Amino acid sequence: MKEETGQLDRGDGMHLAWRRVAGRGPGVVFLGGFNSDMTGSKAEFLAAWCAARGQAFLRFDYSGHGTSEGRFEDGTIGRWADDAACVIAALTEGPQILIGSSMGGWIALLLAARRKVAICALIGIAPAPDFTEDLMWAEFPPAIRKVIMRDGFWHRPSDYGAPYPITRALIEDGRNQLLLRGPIALECPVRILQGQQDPDVPWRHALRIAEAVTGCDVRVTLIKDGDHRLSREADLVLLGEAVAGLIG
């Protein structure tokens, strides 16, 4: 099945890039990570996996990411969640299986818990809800916090590429999107794939999510030698098995 591509106006003149494979439902939607894009190995794997099975699939870039318009430093978790809701509403039909990687896991949980889109299941790959507060701000030394509050941003070094800005707006908006301070009202099936050698999201974070979700159909798969990306062939096989199990 050939993949269709396009640009969607989110309603304010900002265009979001997307790619879609037509097919049967439930559709599969991939939500990428922080400072990532829709051409990574997990997204490519899912596009091919869904195309081979005739399953509908959608991926996209948040504003300021990949080939979408906008500046990365203007984005926040709330803005990117709105981007995701806009694309899903415009380009899918019926309940979807949301697959969120890292930050995408947070956004998928937000969309599901706040009933922003119709979903039938959710998969988190090293999902990182609340990361701006618990995995960034709480870990930053006072000197870095001071720079962010004074200048409005700080460039964080990255193991995956060039340094990228952490903005005051990102941190402050993140506090309006926190999920792990109470129960996450979600009854659909939830699957979490988490590497125990993940340097960015501690594996116990996955257990916090599983405990917070109110539904009973929640399974956490810990990959003892898995990293943050979970993009090795064996990791992708696990991902395919998780999707297949939810499609039934």
Protein backbone atom coordinates (compact mmCIF):
# COMPACT_ATOMS: atom_id res chain seq x y z
CA MET A 1 0.00 0.00 0.00
CA LYS A 2 1.46 3.35 -1.04
CA GLU A 3 1.92 5.97 1.66
CA GLU A 4 0.18 9.31 1.14
CA THR A 5 1.83 12.52 2.33
CA GLY A 6 0.55 16.02 3.00
CA GLN A 7 0.50 19.19 5.09
CA LEU A 8 -2.44 20.03 7.37
CA ASP A 9 -3.29 23.57 8.45
CA ARG A 10 -3.90 23.25 12.18
CA GLY A 11 -6.26 26.22 12.02
CA ASP A 12 -3.91 29.16 12.51
CA GLY A 13 -1.92 28.99 9.27
CA MET A 14 0.71 26.65 10.73
CA HIS A 15 1.09 23.51 8.61
CA LEU A 16 1.83 20.08 10.07
CA ALA A 17 3.48 17.39 7.94
CA TRP A 18 1.91 13.94 7.89
CA ARG A 19 2.10 10.55 6.18
CA ARG A 20 -0.74 8.06 5.97
CA VAL A 21 -1.34 4.50 4.82
CA ALA A 22 -4.95 3.67 3.96
CA GLY A 23 -6.37 0.46 5.38
CA ARG A 24 -8.82 -1.13 7.74
CA GLY A 25 -9.45 -0.15 11.34
CA PRO A 26 -8.61 0.17 14.04
CA GLY A 27 -6.08 2.63 12.72
CA VAL A 28 -2.61 2.90 14.21
CA VAL A 29 -1.19 6.36 15.03
CA PHE A 30 2.46 6.94 15.91
CA LEU A 31 3.38 9.88 18.15
CA GLY A 32 7.07 10.67 18.15
CA GLY A 33 9.35 11.89 20.88
CA PHE A 34 10.76 15.22 22.02
CA ASN A 35 12.92 16.80 19.30
CA SER A 36 12.34 13.75 17.08
CA ASP A 37 10.46 13.32 13.80
CA MET A 38 8.28 10.85 11.93
CA THR A 39 11.10 9.24 9.91
CA GLY A 40 12.72 7.32 12.78
CA SER A 41 13.13 3.57 12.78
CA LYS A 42 10.05 2.81 14.90
CA ALA A 43 7.80 4.94 12.68
CA GLU A 44 9.25 3.38 9.53
CA PHE A 45 8.80 -0.10 10.98
CA LEU A 46 5.16 0.57 11.87
CA ALA A 47 4.42 2.06 8.44
CA ALA A 48 5.74 -1.06 6.74
CA TRP A 49 4.10 -3.38 9.28
CA CYS A 50 0.68 -1.78 8.82
CA ALA A 51 0.98 -1.58 5.03
CA ALA A 52 1.82 -5.29 4.83
CA ARG A 53 -1.30 -6.14 6.84
CA GLY A 54 -3.69 -3.66 5.27
CA GLN A 55 -3.98 -1.72 8.52
CA ALA A 56 -4.55 2.05 8.49
CA PHE A 57 -1.54 4.00 9.79
CA LEU A 58 -0.82 7.67 10.45
CA ARG A 59 2.35 9.48 11.51
CA PHE A 60 3.11 13.19 11.66
CA ASP A 61 5.51 15.85 12.93
CA TYR A 62 4.54 18.21 15.73
CA SER A 63 5.05 21.92 15.04
CA GLY A 64 8.74 22.78 15.16
CA HIS A 65 9.67 19.14 14.48
CA GLY A 66 10.77 17.43 11.28
CA THR A 67 9.19 18.97 8.20
CA SER A 68 6.31 20.70 9.97
CA GLU A 69 6.29 24.48 10.20
CA GLY A 70 7.11 26.45 13.32
CA ARG A 71 10.03 26.80 15.71
CA PHE A 72 10.88 24.02 18.14
CA GLU A 73 11.49 26.51 20.95
CA ASP A 74 7.94 27.86 20.60
CA GLY A 75 6.44 24.46 21.41
CA THR A 76 5.09 23.08 24.68
CA ILE A 77 3.53 19.79 25.71
CA GLY A 78 0.07 21.34 25.51
CA ARG A 79 0.73 22.81 22.06
CA TRP A 80 2.06 19.52 20.72
CA ALA A 81 -0.85 17.59 22.23
CA ASP A 82 -3.19 19.97 20.40
CA ASP A 83 -1.21 19.35 17.19
CA ALA A 84 -1.70 15.61 17.64
CA ALA A 85 -5.43 15.94 18.34
CA CYS A 86 -5.84 18.14 15.25
CA VAL A 87 -4.07 15.71 12.92
CA ILE A 88 -5.85 12.64 14.31
CA ALA A 89 -9.28 14.29 14.06
CA ALA A 90 -8.69 15.37 10.47
CA LEU A 91 -7.01 12.27 9.08
CA THR A 92 -8.44 9.21 10.83
CA GLU A 93 -11.80 7.51 11.18
CA GLY A 94 -13.03 5.60 14.21
CA PRO A 95 -11.14 4.59 17.35
CA GLN A 96 -7.35 4.42 17.01
CA ILE A 97 -4.47 2.56 18.62
CA LEU A 98 -2.10 5.29 19.81
CA ILE A 99 1.59 4.39 19.95
CA GLY A 100 3.66 7.01 21.75
CA SER A 101 7.44 7.03 22.02
CA SER A 102 8.94 8.89 25.01
CA MET A 103 7.24 12.33 24.96
CA GLY A 104 4.76 10.82 22.51
CA GLY A 105 3.73 8.45 25.31
CA TRP A 106 2.87 11.44 27.49
CA ILE A 107 0.90 13.03 24.68
CA ALA A 108 -0.93 9.77 23.93
CA LEU A 109 -1.90 9.45 27.60
CA LEU A 110 -3.09 13.08 27.66
CA LEU A 111 -5.23 12.59 24.54
CA ALA A 112 -6.72 9.41 25.95
CA ALA A 113 -7.29 10.57 29.52
CA ARG A 114 -8.78 13.90 28.44
CA ARG A 115 -10.94 12.22 25.77
CA LYS A 116 -9.45 14.39 23.02
CA VAL A 117 -9.62 11.59 20.43
CA ALA A 118 -11.36 8.22 20.16
CA ILE A 119 -8.99 5.41 21.04
CA CYS A 120 -9.30 1.67 21.56
CA ALA A 121 -5.81 0.94 22.94
CA LEU A 122 -2.51 2.60 23.80
CA ILE A 123 1.12 1.53 23.56
CA GLY A 124 3.89 3.45 25.26
CA ILE A 125 7.52 2.98 24.21
CA ALA A 126 9.60 4.32 27.11
CA PRO A 127 6.64 6.64 27.79
CA ALA A 128 7.64 9.82 29.60
CA PRO A 129 4.65 11.55 31.17
CA ASP A 130 5.63 14.44 33.45
CA PHE A 131 9.22 14.38 32.18
CA THR A 132 9.57 18.18 32.10
CA GLU A 133 8.98 18.29 35.87
CA ASP A 134 10.28 14.95 37.18
CA LEU A 135 13.10 14.13 34.76
CA MET A 136 14.23 17.66 33.85
CA TRP A 137 13.39 20.38 36.37
CA ALA A 138 13.80 18.16 39.43
CA GLU A 139 17.21 17.01 38.15
CA PHE A 140 18.56 20.40 37.05
CA PRO A 141 21.06 22.03 39.42
CA PRO A 142 20.19 25.50 40.72
CA ALA A 143 22.50 27.21 38.21
CA ILE A 144 20.61 25.77 35.23
CA ARG A 145 17.23 26.57 36.76
CA LYS A 146 18.41 30.14 37.24
CA VAL A 147 19.44 30.45 33.57
CA ILE A 148 16.06 29.12 32.39
CA MET A 149 14.12 31.50 34.62
CA ARG A 150 16.33 34.49 33.72
CA ASP A 151 16.87 33.95 29.98
CA GLY A 152 13.78 31.92 29.14
CA PHE A 153 15.82 28.97 27.82
CA TRP A 154 18.90 26.81 28.26
CA HIS A 155 20.58 24.69 25.58
CA ARG A 156 20.80 21.12 26.79
CA PRO A 157 23.54 18.84 25.40
CA SER A 158 22.21 15.73 23.65
CA ASP A 159 23.56 12.24 23.05
CA TYR A 160 21.44 12.14 19.87
CA GLY A 161 22.56 15.32 18.08
CA ALA A 162 23.09 19.04 18.58
CA PRO A 163 22.14 20.75 21.86
CA TYR A 164 18.49 21.81 21.98
CA PRO A 165 16.64 24.49 23.93
CA ILE A 166 14.75 23.77 27.14
CA THR A 167 12.46 26.77 27.55
CA ARG A 168 10.77 28.29 30.55
CA ALA A 169 7.48 27.98 28.67
CA LEU A 170 8.03 24.23 28.23
CA ILE A 171 8.61 23.76 31.95
CA GLU A 172 5.73 25.97 33.05
CA ASP A 173 3.22 24.54 30.58
CA GLY A 174 4.34 21.04 31.54
CA ARG A 175 2.97 21.67 35.03
CA ASN A 176 -0.50 22.02 33.52
CA GLN A 177 -0.18 18.62 31.83
CA LEU A 178 1.04 16.44 34.73
CA LEU A 179 -0.57 13.01 34.95
CA LEU A 180 1.26 11.06 37.64
CA ARG A 181 0.03 13.13 40.59
CA GLY A 182 -3.15 11.06 40.72
CA PRO A 183 -5.05 8.32 38.89
CA ILE A 184 -5.11 8.29 35.09
CA ALA A 185 -8.71 7.53 34.15
CA LEU A 186 -8.19 5.08 31.31
CA GLU A 187 -10.00 1.79 30.81
CA CYS A 188 -8.69 0.74 27.38
CA PRO A 189 -5.85 -1.80 27.03
CA VAL A 190 -2.44 -0.27 27.76
CA ARG A 191 0.90 -1.82 26.83
CA ILE A 192 4.25 -0.39 27.91
CA LEU A 193 7.63 -1.38 26.47
CA GLN A 194 10.50 -0.14 28.63
CA GLY A 195 14.25 -0.70 28.50
CA GLN A 196 16.01 -1.14 31.82
CA GLN A 197 19.21 0.44 30.45
CA ASP A 198 17.33 3.61 29.44
CA PRO A 199 19.47 6.64 30.43
CA ASP A 200 16.60 9.10 29.85
CA VAL A 201 13.51 7.50 31.37
CA PRO A 202 14.08 5.30 34.45
CA TRP A 203 12.37 1.93 34.09
CA ARG A 204 10.49 2.46 37.35
CA HIS A 205 8.70 5.33 35.59
CA ALA A 206 6.83 2.67 33.59
CA LEU A 207 5.64 1.05 36.82
CA ARG A 208 4.37 4.43 38.08
CA ILE A 209 2.29 4.75 34.91
CA ALA A 210 0.90 1.23 35.22
CA GLU A 211 -0.06 1.89 38.83
CA ALA A 212 -1.74 5.21 37.97
CA VAL A 213 -3.89 3.88 35.10
CA THR A 214 -7.31 2.94 36.49
CA GLY A 215 -8.03 0.13 34.02
CA CYS A 216 -7.00 -3.48 34.67
CA ASP A 217 -5.76 -4.44 31.18
CA VAL A 218 -2.29 -2.98 31.64
CA ARG A 219 0.93 -4.85 30.84
CA VAL A 220 4.51 -3.68 31.23
CA THR A 221 7.29 -5.41 29.30
CA LEU A 222 10.76 -4.71 30.70
CA ILE A 223 13.66 -5.28 28.30
CA LYS A 224 16.66 -5.83 30.55
CA ASP A 225 19.28 -4.71 28.00
CA GLY A 226 17.00 -2.20 26.26
CA ASP A 227 17.96 1.46 25.81
CA HIS A 228 15.73 4.50 25.38
CA ARG A 229 15.11 4.17 21.67
CA LEU A 230 14.15 0.48 21.63
CA SER A 231 14.88 0.42 17.90
CA ARG A 232 16.87 -2.79 17.58
CA GLU A 233 15.41 -5.58 15.47
CA ALA A 234 14.40 -7.55 18.57
CA ASP A 235 12.74 -4.46 20.06
CA LEU A 236 10.76 -3.85 16.87
CA VAL A 237 9.60 -7.48 16.89
CA LEU A 238 8.22 -6.91 20.40
CA LEU A 239 6.47 -3.77 19.19
CA GLY A 240 4.89 -5.63 16.27
CA GLU A 241 3.70 -8.37 18.62
CA ALA A 242 2.14 -5.78 20.94
CA VAL A 243 0.24 -4.14 18.08
CA ALA A 244 -0.90 -7.51 16.70
CA GLY A 245 -2.19 -8.54 20.12
CA LEU A 246 -4.29 -5.39 20.39
CA ILE A 247 -5.70 -5.67 16.87
CA GLY A 248 -6.67 -9.25 17.60
